[in-house]
Amino acid sequence: MTDCLTYFYLFPVAIIIASLAMSAGISGTNFWIPVYIIWLGFDTKTAFWLGLLTMIFGFGSGVIRNLRQKTVNRYIVKEYLKITVPAAIFGTLLVPFAPVGLLLLLFASFILGYGSYLIYHYWLYRRGKVPEELKTHDRICWKRAAVAGFLKGLIATGLGKLISPCIMEHKDIKSAAEAVGTTVPIIFVVDLIALLFRLTPDFISVLTEQKILIFDTMLWVAPGVVLGGQLGPAVARRFSPQGMRLYVGVLLIVVSMLIYLRAFALI
C-alpha cells in the first residue's frame, strides 16, 4: 500500500498543466500521458485512460468557468458534438487491437506535427505572410471534426487541435477566449464518451489491480486540475491567437520528444 502523501507534488503540476491546456483549448492529455507513463510508471493504455479521466475534472471545471464568463457559443458546441461523439466511439473500439508501441508512436507523431505547424504558422505571421485578422466563415468543419473525434477515441488527443482553428475563424466567434471557451465543452463531452467506452471487462480488471495507486494519484491530481480549470480561461484572455499558437507549439514538441523515447523502448 502506498502513502498518499508521496504524490503531493502532483497538485502544483496539475494546476500548471490544466491552466496551459485550458488557456489553449487543447486536451491536457498531451501533457498528462508522459507524466503517467514516464514519471509514474503506468502502462500505456492505463495512462491514456487516466489522461482522459484527469481531463474530465479539469475541463469540467473549465466548462463552468467559461459558462460564467459567457465565452461559450452553444450552437457551435452542439453542431460539433453531432459528429465528434460517434467518431470518438469508433476510435475507442479499435484500442484493444492496437499495440501499445504503435499507439505511442501515433500520439507522439501527431503532437510533433501539430506543434511544428503552430510554430511555422507563427513564423509566417512574424514575417508578415499571415494576416493578423483571421478570415471568417460560417461553416462547421465536419470532415475535420470526424477525424478529430476518431483520434480522441484512439490516442486520447487531437480533438482540440483540429477543431479549434475552425472554431476560431467562425464568424460568430468574437475573441480567442470565446474560441477556447467553445472548444472546452466539446472536449469535455468527447473525453467522457472516450473514457467510458474504453472500459472493457479486461481493462476494468487491469484498473482494479492498480486501484490504490490510481486513487493516491488522483487524490492530488483531481483538485489541481479543477483549480487549473478555473485559472486557464483567465490566461486565455491575455493571449493573442498568434501568441497562443507559439507557446503551445513549443510545449507540444517537447512532449513529443519524451513520448518518442518511450515508444521506441517498447518496439
C-alpha atoms as a PDB file:
ATOM      1  CA  MET A   1       0.000   0.000   0.000  1.00  0.00           C
ATOM      2  CA  THR A   2       1.377   3.404  -0.943  1.00  0.00           C
ATOM      3  CA  ASP A   3       1.453   6.548   1.154  1.00  0.00           C
ATOM      4  CA  CYS A   4      -0.885   9.054  -0.489  1.00  0.00           C
ATOM      5  CA  LEU A   5       1.392  11.921   0.581  1.00  0.00           C
ATOM      6  CA  THR A   6       4.040  10.517  -1.759  1.00  0.00           C
ATOM      7  CA  TYR A   7       2.313  12.211  -4.687  1.00  0.00           C
ATOM      8  CA  PHE A   8       1.621  15.636  -3.164  1.00  0.00           C
ATOM      9  CA  TYR A   9       3.882  17.220  -5.801  1.00  0.00           C
ATOM     10  CA  LEU A  10       1.266  16.345  -8.438  1.00  0.00           C
ATOM     11  CA  PHE A  11      -1.007  19.067  -7.079  1.00  0.00           C
ATOM     12  CA  PRO A  12       1.061  22.044  -8.370  1.00  0.00           C
ATOM     13  CA  VAL A  13       1.915  20.061 -11.520  1.00  0.00           C
ATOM     14  CA  ALA A  14      -1.805  19.571 -12.117  1.00  0.00           C
ATOM     15  CA  ILE A  15      -2.537  23.278 -11.698  1.00  0.00           C
ATOM     16  CA  ILE A  16       0.111  24.207 -14.269  1.00  0.00           C
ATOM     17  CA  ILE A  17      -0.910  21.576 -16.834  1.00  0.00           C
ATOM     18  CA  ALA A  18      -4.628  22.328 -16.544  1.00  0.00           C
ATOM     19  CA  SER A  19      -4.006  26.063 -16.860  1.00  0.00           C
ATOM     20  CA  LEU A  20      -1.934  25.546 -20.008  1.00  0.00           C
ATOM     21  CA  ALA A  21      -4.451  23.181 -21.576  1.00  0.00           C
ATOM     22  CA  MET A  22      -7.452  25.310 -20.722  1.00  0.00           C
ATOM     23  CA  SER A  23      -5.868  28.558 -21.892  1.00  0.00           C
ATOM     24  CA  ALA A  24      -5.065  26.999 -25.267  1.00  0.00           C
ATOM     25  CA  GLY A  25      -8.267  24.990 -25.695  1.00  0.00           C
ATOM     26  CA  ILE A  26      -6.411  21.694 -26.204  1.00  0.00           C
ATOM     27  CA  SER A  27      -6.585  18.421 -24.326  1.00  0.00           C
ATOM     28  CA  GLY A  28      -4.362  18.156 -21.267  1.00  0.00           C
ATOM     29  CA  THR A  29      -3.756  14.506 -22.177  1.00  0.00           C
ATOM     30  CA  ASN A  30      -0.897  15.859 -24.304  1.00  0.00           C
ATOM     31  CA  PHE A  31       0.922  16.668 -21.083  1.00  0.00           C
ATOM     32  CA  TRP A  32      -0.520  14.055 -18.709  1.00  0.00           C
ATOM     33  CA  ILE A  33       0.309  10.975 -20.769  1.00  0.00           C
ATOM     34  CA  PRO A  34       4.095  11.486 -20.424  1.00  0.00           C
ATOM     35  CA  VAL A  35       3.625  12.216 -16.714  1.00  0.00           C
ATOM     36  CA  TYR A  36       1.697   8.983 -16.169  1.00  0.00           C
ATOM     37  CA  ILE A  37       3.922   6.810 -18.356  1.00  0.00           C
ATOM     38  CA  ILE A  38       7.423   8.200 -17.790  1.00  0.00           C
ATOM     39  CA  TRP A  39       7.132   9.764 -14.355  1.00  0.00           C
ATOM     40  CA  LEU A  40       4.681   7.452 -12.549  1.00  0.00           C
ATOM     41  CA  GLY A  41       5.256   4.225 -14.492  1.00  0.00           C
ATOM     42  CA  PHE A  42       1.710   3.332 -15.541  1.00  0.00           C
ATOM     43  CA  ASP A  43       1.285   1.057 -18.557  1.00  0.00           C
ATOM     44  CA  THR A  44       0.375   2.807 -21.811  1.00  0.00           C
ATOM     45  CA  LYS A  45      -3.337   2.009 -22.025  1.00  0.00           C
ATOM     46  CA  THR A  46      -3.897   2.868 -18.355  1.00  0.00           C
ATOM     47  CA  ALA A  47      -2.021   6.153 -18.867  1.00  0.00           C
ATOM     48  CA  PHE A  48      -4.249   7.028 -21.814  1.00  0.00           C
ATOM     49  CA  TRP A  49      -7.351   6.280 -19.732  1.00  0.00           C
ATOM     50  CA  LEU A  50      -6.047   8.274 -16.774  1.00  0.00           C
ATOM     51  CA  GLY A  51      -5.306  11.167 -19.107  1.00  0.00           C
ATOM     52  CA  LEU A  52      -8.955  11.184 -20.141  1.00  0.00           C
ATOM     53  CA  LEU A  53     -10.120  10.860 -16.515  1.00  0.00           C
ATOM     54  CA  THR A  54      -7.920  13.756 -15.457  1.00  0.00           C
ATOM     55  CA  MET A  55      -9.357  15.933 -18.186  1.00  0.00           C
ATOM     56  CA  ILE A  56     -12.888  15.197 -17.020  1.00  0.00           C
ATOM     57  CA  PHE A  57     -12.061  17.047 -13.799  1.00  0.00           C
ATOM     58  CA  GLY A  58     -10.076  19.850 -15.426  1.00  0.00           C
ATOM     59  CA  PHE A  59     -12.324  20.517 -18.393  1.00  0.00           C
ATOM     60  CA  GLY A  60     -15.448  20.097 -16.269  1.00  0.00           C
ATOM     61  CA  SER A  61     -14.145  22.946 -14.148  1.00  0.00           C
ATOM     62  CA  GLY A  62     -13.275  24.880 -17.301  1.00  0.00           C
ATOM     63  CA  VAL A  63     -16.781  24.455 -18.699  1.00  0.00           C
ATOM     64  CA  ILE A  64     -18.234  26.037 -15.561  1.00  0.00           C
ATOM     65  CA  ARG A  65     -15.783  28.948 -15.701  1.00  0.00           C
ATOM     66  CA  ASN A  66     -16.397  29.616 -19.395  1.00  0.00           C
ATOM     67  CA  LEU A  67     -20.168  29.477 -18.938  1.00  0.00           C
ATOM     68  CA  ARG A  68     -19.883  32.017 -16.129  1.00  0.00           C
ATOM     69  CA  GLN A  69     -17.780  34.399 -18.202  1.00  0.00           C
ATOM     70  CA  LYS A  70     -20.078  33.829 -21.210  1.00  0.00           C
ATOM     71  CA  THR A  71     -17.390  32.585 -23.594  1.00  0.00           C
ATOM     72  CA  VAL A  72     -19.277  29.522 -24.886  1.00  0.00           C
ATOM     73  CA  ASN A  73     -21.154  29.502 -28.192  1.00  0.00           C
ATOM     74  CA  ARG A  74     -23.790  26.831 -27.548  1.00  0.00           C
ATOM     75  CA  TYR A  75     -24.814  26.433 -31.182  1.00  0.00           C
ATOM     76  CA  ILE A  76     -21.264  25.640 -32.335  1.00  0.00           C
ATOM     77  CA  VAL A  77     -20.789  23.215 -29.423  1.00  0.00           C
ATOM     78  CA  LYS A  78     -23.960  21.330 -30.363  1.00  0.00           C
ATOM     79  CA  GLU A  79     -23.053  21.087 -34.047  1.00  0.00           C
ATOM     80  CA  TYR A  80     -19.555  19.732 -33.429  1.00  0.00           C
ATOM     81  CA  LEU A  81     -20.782  17.164 -30.910  1.00  0.00           C
ATOM     82  CA  LYS A  82     -23.036  15.634 -33.575  1.00  0.00           C
ATOM     83  CA  ILE A  83     -20.006  14.217 -35.395  1.00  0.00           C
ATOM     84  CA  THR A  84     -17.189  14.103 -32.811  1.00  0.00           C
ATOM     85  CA  VAL A  85     -19.073  11.829 -30.389  1.00  0.00           C
ATOM     86  CA  PRO A  86     -19.796   8.933 -32.805  1.00  0.00           C
ATOM     87  CA  ALA A  87     -16.317   9.293 -34.325  1.00  0.00           C
ATOM     88  CA  ALA A  88     -14.742   9.017 -30.859  1.00  0.00           C
ATOM     89  CA  ILE A  89     -16.763   5.891 -30.096  1.00  0.00           C
ATOM     90  CA  PHE A  90     -15.441   4.292 -33.284  1.00  0.00           C
ATOM     91  CA  GLY A  91     -11.871   5.175 -32.294  1.00  0.00           C
ATOM     92  CA  THR A  92     -12.204   3.624 -28.832  1.00  0.00           C
ATOM     93  CA  LEU A  93     -13.451   0.365 -30.335  1.00  0.00           C
ATOM     94  CA  LEU A  94     -10.060  -0.059 -32.053  1.00  0.00           C
ATOM     95  CA  VAL A  95      -7.963   0.494 -28.909  1.00  0.00           C
ATOM     96  CA  PRO A  96      -7.953  -3.149 -27.701  1.00  0.00           C
ATOM     97  CA  PHE A  97      -6.481  -4.270 -31.033  1.00  0.00           C
ATOM     98  CA  ALA A  98      -3.686  -1.657 -31.267  1.00  0.00           C
ATOM     99  CA  PRO A  99      -0.157  -2.460 -29.952  1.00  0.00           C
ATOM    100  CA  VAL A 100       0.906  -0.047 -27.214  1.00  0.00           C
ATOM    101  CA  GLY A 101       4.078   0.939 -29.082  1.00  0.00           C
ATOM    102  CA  LEU A 102       2.002   1.903 -32.120  1.00  0.00           C
ATOM    103  CA  LEU A 103      -0.383   3.972 -30.006  1.00  0.00           C
ATOM    104  CA  LEU A 104       2.524   5.915 -28.524  1.00  0.00           C
ATOM    105  CA  LEU A 105       4.106   6.494 -31.942  1.00  0.00           C
ATOM    106  CA  LEU A 106       0.808   7.781 -33.324  1.00  0.00           C
ATOM    107  CA  PHE A 107       0.379  10.029 -30.300  1.00  0.00           C
ATOM    108  CA  ALA A 108       3.925  11.430 -30.469  1.00  0.00           C
ATOM    109  CA  SER A 109       3.848  11.897 -34.247  1.00  0.00           C
ATOM    110  CA  PHE A 110       0.565  13.745 -34.132  1.00  0.00           C
ATOM    111  CA  ILE A 111       1.573  16.225 -31.458  1.00  0.00           C
ATOM    112  CA  LEU A 112       5.025  16.731 -33.041  1.00  0.00           C
ATOM    113  CA  GLY A 113       3.435  17.551 -36.387  1.00  0.00           C
ATOM    114  CA  TYR A 114       0.885  19.846 -34.837  1.00  0.00           C
ATOM    115  CA  GLY A 115       3.417  21.621 -32.634  1.00  0.00           C
ATOM    116  CA  SER A 116       5.683  22.191 -35.653  1.00  0.00           C
ATOM    117  CA  TYR A 117       2.757  23.536 -37.648  1.00  0.00           C
ATOM    118  CA  LEU A 118       1.899  26.042 -34.923  1.00  0.00           C
ATOM    119  CA  ILE A 119       5.464  27.350 -34.762  1.00  0.00           C
ATOM    120  CA  TYR A 120       5.688  27.562 -38.565  1.00  0.00           C
ATOM    121  CA  HIS A 121       2.400  29.455 -38.663  1.00  0.00           C
ATOM    122  CA  TYR A 122       3.716  31.898 -36.057  1.00  0.00           C
ATOM    123  CA  TRP A 123       6.940  32.367 -38.099  1.00  0.00           C
ATOM    124  CA  LEU A 124       4.856  33.206 -41.167  1.00  0.00           C
ATOM    125  CA  TYR A 125       2.858  35.669 -39.101  1.00  0.00           C
ATOM    126  CA  ARG A 126       6.014  37.422 -37.832  1.00  0.00           C
ATOM    127  CA  ARG A 127       7.270  37.747 -41.400  1.00  0.00           C
ATOM    128  CA  GLY A 128       4.015  39.367 -42.446  1.00  0.00           C
ATOM    129  CA  LYS A 129       2.864  36.448 -44.576  1.00  0.00           C
ATOM    130  CA  VAL A 130      -0.153  35.716 -42.395  1.00  0.00           C
ATOM    131  CA  PRO A 131      -2.676  38.488 -41.752  1.00  0.00           C
ATOM    132  CA  GLU A 132      -3.275  39.370 -38.118  1.00  0.00           C
ATOM    133  CA  GLU A 133      -7.006  39.349 -38.704  1.00  0.00           C
ATOM    134  CA  LEU A 134      -8.359  35.848 -39.255  1.00  0.00           C
ATOM    135  CA  LYS A 135     -10.593  35.106 -42.221  1.00  0.00           C
ATOM    136  CA  THR A 136     -14.073  34.235 -41.035  1.00  0.00           C
ATOM    137  CA  HIS A 137     -16.634  31.736 -42.297  1.00  0.00           C
ATOM    138  CA  ASP A 138     -19.936  30.244 -41.195  1.00  0.00           C
ATOM    139  CA  ARG A 139     -19.032  26.569 -41.730  1.00  0.00           C
ATOM    140  CA  ILE A 140     -18.927  23.619 -39.379  1.00  0.00           C
ATOM    141  CA  CYS A 141     -15.842  21.620 -40.388  1.00  0.00           C
ATOM    142  CA  TRP A 142     -17.494  18.202 -40.497  1.00  0.00           C
ATOM    143  CA  LYS A 143     -14.617  16.198 -42.014  1.00  0.00           C
ATOM    144  CA  ARG A 144     -12.061  17.668 -39.632  1.00  0.00           C
ATOM    145  CA  ALA A 145     -14.398  17.064 -36.698  1.00  0.00           C
ATOM    146  CA  ALA A 146     -14.791  13.391 -37.680  1.00  0.00           C
ATOM    147  CA  VAL A 147     -11.013  12.872 -37.815  1.00  0.00           C
ATOM    148  CA  ALA A 148     -10.590  14.779 -34.535  1.00  0.00           C
ATOM    149  CA  GLY A 149     -13.176  12.687 -32.730  1.00  0.00           C
ATOM    150  CA  PHE A 150     -11.655   9.462 -34.051  1.00  0.00           C
ATOM    151  CA  LEU A 151      -8.175  10.457 -32.846  1.00  0.00           C
ATOM    152  CA  LYS A 152      -9.531  11.385 -29.429  1.00  0.00           C
ATOM    153  CA  GLY A 153     -11.058   7.923 -29.130  1.00  0.00           C
ATOM    154  CA  LEU A 154      -7.932   6.122 -30.377  1.00  0.00           C
ATOM    155  CA  ILE A 155      -4.987   8.074 -28.928  1.00  0.00           C
ATOM    156  CA  ALA A 156      -6.746  10.394 -26.432  1.00  0.00           C
ATOM    157  CA  THR A 157      -5.707  13.581 -28.234  1.00  0.00           C
ATOM    158  CA  GLY A 158      -6.246  15.520 -31.446  1.00  0.00           C
ATOM    159  CA  LEU A 159      -9.715  16.919 -30.871  1.00  0.00           C
ATOM    160  CA  GLY A 160      -8.985  20.439 -29.690  1.00  0.00           C
ATOM    161  CA  LYS A 161      -6.020  20.884 -32.008  1.00  0.00           C
ATOM    162  CA  LEU A 162      -8.010  20.072 -35.136  1.00  0.00           C
ATOM    163  CA  ILE A 163     -11.299  21.809 -34.449  1.00  0.00           C
ATOM    164  CA  SER A 164     -10.097  24.922 -32.602  1.00  0.00           C
ATOM    165  CA  PRO A 165      -8.783  26.683 -35.765  1.00  0.00           C
ATOM    166  CA  CYS A 166     -12.175  26.201 -37.442  1.00  0.00           C
ATOM    167  CA  ILE A 167     -13.966  27.467 -34.351  1.00  0.00           C
ATOM    168  CA  MET A 168     -11.566  30.415 -34.068  1.00  0.00           C
ATOM    169  CA  GLU A 169     -12.435  31.504 -37.621  1.00  0.00           C
ATOM    170  CA  HIS A 170     -16.201  31.105 -37.314  1.00  0.00           C
ATOM    171  CA  LYS A 171     -17.999  34.398 -37.863  1.00  0.00           C
ATOM    172  CA  ASP A 172     -19.956  34.047 -34.609  1.00  0.00           C
ATOM    173  CA  ILE A 173     -16.774  33.848 -32.511  1.00  0.00           C
ATOM    174  CA  LYS A 174     -15.741  37.287 -31.274  1.00  0.00           C
ATOM    175  CA  SER A 175     -12.436  36.588 -29.487  1.00  0.00           C
ATOM    176  CA  ALA A 176      -9.731  34.000 -28.823  1.00  0.00           C
ATOM    177  CA  ALA A 177     -11.198  33.488 -25.344  1.00  0.00           C
ATOM    178  CA  GLU A 178     -14.599  32.644 -26.836  1.00  0.00           C
ATOM    179  CA  ALA A 179     -12.998  30.227 -29.305  1.00  0.00           C
ATOM    180  CA  VAL A 180     -11.244  28.451 -26.428  1.00  0.00           C
ATOM    181  CA  GLY A 181     -14.378  28.591 -24.283  1.00  0.00           C
ATOM    182  CA  THR A 182     -16.418  26.961 -27.050  1.00  0.00           C
ATOM    183  CA  THR A 183     -13.826  24.237 -27.632  1.00  0.00           C
ATOM    184  CA  VAL A 184     -13.635  23.283 -23.942  1.00  0.00           C
ATOM    185  CA  PRO A 185     -17.168  21.772 -23.543  1.00  0.00           C
ATOM    186  CA  ILE A 186     -16.732  19.813 -26.797  1.00  0.00           C
ATOM    187  CA  ILE A 187     -13.517  18.290 -25.449  1.00  0.00           C
ATOM    188  CA  PHE A 188     -15.189  17.588 -22.096  1.00  0.00           C
ATOM    189  CA  VAL A 189     -18.113  15.657 -23.584  1.00  0.00           C
ATOM    190  CA  VAL A 190     -15.989  13.669 -26.052  1.00  0.00           C
ATOM    191  CA  ASP A 191     -13.434  12.879 -23.306  1.00  0.00           C
ATOM    192  CA  LEU A 192     -16.237  11.473 -21.164  1.00  0.00           C
ATOM    193  CA  ILE A 193     -17.503   9.303 -24.016  1.00  0.00           C
ATOM    194  CA  ALA A 194     -13.994   8.005 -24.824  1.00  0.00           C
ATOM    195  CA  LEU A 195     -13.348   7.310 -21.137  1.00  0.00           C
ATOM    196  CA  LEU A 196     -16.489   5.202 -20.736  1.00  0.00           C
ATOM    197  CA  PHE A 197     -16.152   3.248 -23.975  1.00  0.00           C
ATOM    198  CA  ARG A 198     -12.600   2.161 -23.064  1.00  0.00           C
ATOM    199  CA  LEU A 199     -13.950   0.293 -20.036  1.00  0.00           C
ATOM    200  CA  THR A 200     -13.978  -3.234 -21.420  1.00  0.00           C
ATOM    201  CA  PRO A 201     -14.141  -6.107 -18.894  1.00  0.00           C
ATOM    202  CA  ASP A 202     -10.459  -6.957 -19.423  1.00  0.00           C
ATOM    203  CA  PHE A 203      -9.375  -3.360 -18.949  1.00  0.00           C
ATOM    204  CA  ILE A 204     -11.505  -2.959 -15.826  1.00  0.00           C
ATOM    205  CA  SER A 205      -9.517  -5.845 -14.344  1.00  0.00           C
ATOM    206  CA  VAL A 206      -6.271  -4.015 -15.131  1.00  0.00           C
ATOM    207  CA  LEU A 207      -7.555  -0.862 -13.446  1.00  0.00           C
ATOM    208  CA  THR A 208      -8.707  -2.822 -10.399  1.00  0.00           C
ATOM    209  CA  GLU A 209      -5.211  -4.203  -9.885  1.00  0.00           C
ATOM    210  CA  GLN A 210      -3.867  -0.635  -9.759  1.00  0.00           C
ATOM    211  CA  LYS A 211      -6.743   0.930  -7.826  1.00  0.00           C
ATOM    212  CA  ILE A 212      -4.675   2.051  -4.816  1.00  0.00           C
ATOM    213  CA  LEU A 213      -2.038   3.775  -6.924  1.00  0.00           C
ATOM    214  CA  ILE A 214      -4.725   5.361  -9.109  1.00  0.00           C
ATOM    215  CA  PHE A 215      -6.573   6.654  -6.039  1.00  0.00           C
ATOM    216  CA  ASP A 216      -3.423   8.078  -4.424  1.00  0.00           C
ATOM    217  CA  THR A 217      -2.521   9.798  -7.688  1.00  0.00           C
ATOM    218  CA  MET A 218      -5.953  11.249  -8.416  1.00  0.00           C
ATOM    219  CA  LEU A 219      -6.223  12.460  -4.811  1.00  0.00           C
ATOM    220  CA  TRP A 220      -3.758  15.226  -5.755  1.00  0.00           C
ATOM    221  CA  VAL A 221      -4.328  15.488  -9.497  1.00  0.00           C
ATOM    222  CA  ALA A 222      -8.112  15.988  -9.426  1.00  0.00           C
ATOM    223  CA  PRO A 223      -8.198  19.099  -7.189  1.00  0.00           C
ATOM    224  CA  GLY A 224      -5.184  20.508  -9.020  1.00  0.00           C
ATOM    225  CA  VAL A 225      -6.797  20.314 -12.447  1.00  0.00           C
ATOM    226  CA  VAL A 226     -10.080  21.665 -11.065  1.00  0.00           C
ATOM    227  CA  LEU A 227      -8.213  24.754  -9.832  1.00  0.00           C
ATOM    228  CA  GLY A 228      -6.253  24.989 -13.091  1.00  0.00           C
ATOM    229  CA  GLY A 229      -9.510  24.768 -14.988  1.00  0.00           C
ATOM    230  CA  GLN A 230     -10.595  27.968 -13.290  1.00  0.00           C
ATOM    231  CA  LEU A 231      -7.316  29.778 -13.970  1.00  0.00           C
ATOM    232  CA  GLY A 232      -6.913  28.732 -17.618  1.00  0.00           C
ATOM    233  CA  PRO A 233      -9.777  30.778 -19.111  1.00  0.00           C
ATOM    234  CA  ALA A 234      -8.377  33.907 -17.432  1.00  0.00           C
ATOM    235  CA  VAL A 235      -4.980  33.175 -19.018  1.00  0.00           C
ATOM    236  CA  ALA A 236      -6.639  32.802 -22.435  1.00  0.00           C
ATOM    237  CA  ARG A 237      -7.886  36.390 -22.233  1.00  0.00           C
ATOM    238  CA  ARG A 238      -4.286  37.666 -22.110  1.00  0.00           C
ATOM    239  CA  PHE A 239      -3.045  35.938 -25.279  1.00  0.00           C
ATOM    240  CA  SER A 240      -3.458  36.850 -28.921  1.00  0.00           C
ATOM    241  CA  PRO A 241      -4.355  33.920 -31.217  1.00  0.00           C
ATOM    242  CA  GLN A 242      -0.836  34.003 -32.714  1.00  0.00           C
ATOM    243  CA  GLY A 243       0.940  34.168 -29.363  1.00  0.00           C
ATOM    244  CA  MET A 244      -1.107  31.223 -28.132  1.00  0.00           C
ATOM    245  CA  ARG A 245      -0.040  29.171 -31.174  1.00  0.00           C
ATOM    246  CA  LEU A 246       3.645  29.768 -30.433  1.00  0.00           C
ATOM    247  CA  TYR A 247       3.701  28.748 -26.795  1.00  0.00           C
ATOM    248  CA  VAL A 248       1.504  25.693 -27.316  1.00  0.00           C
ATOM    249  CA  GLY A 249       3.628  24.596 -30.294  1.00  0.00           C
ATOM    250  CA  VAL A 250       6.848  24.651 -28.269  1.00  0.00           C
ATOM    251  CA  LEU A 251       5.282  22.678 -25.422  1.00  0.00           C
ATOM    252  CA  LEU A 252       3.916  20.006 -27.757  1.00  0.00           C
ATOM    253  CA  ILE A 253       7.280  19.438 -29.440  1.00  0.00           C
ATOM    254  CA  VAL A 254       8.954  18.905 -26.059  1.00  0.00           C
ATOM    255  CA  VAL A 255       6.250  16.422 -25.047  1.00  0.00           C
ATOM    256  CA  SER A 256       6.513  14.526 -28.347  1.00  0.00           C
ATOM    257  CA  MET A 257      10.250  14.002 -27.874  1.00  0.00           C
ATOM    258  CA  LEU A 258       9.658  12.452 -24.445  1.00  0.00           C
ATOM    259  CA  ILE A 259       6.992  10.122 -25.808  1.00  0.00           C
ATOM    260  CA  TYR A 260       9.170   9.050 -28.760  1.00  0.00           C
ATOM    261  CA  LEU A 261      11.841   7.905 -26.315  1.00  0.00           C
ATOM    262  CA  ARG A 262       9.277   5.761 -24.512  1.00  0.00           C
ATOM    263  CA  ALA A 263       7.698   4.409 -27.719  1.00  0.00           C
ATOM    264  CA  PHE A 264      10.987   3.266 -29.233  1.00  0.00           C
ATOM    265  CA  ALA A 265      11.838   1.488 -25.987  1.00  0.00           C
ATOM    266  CA  LEU A 266       8.706  -0.636 -26.420  1.00  0.00           C
ATOM    267  CA  ILE A 267       9.305  -1.577 -30.070  1.00  0.00           C
END
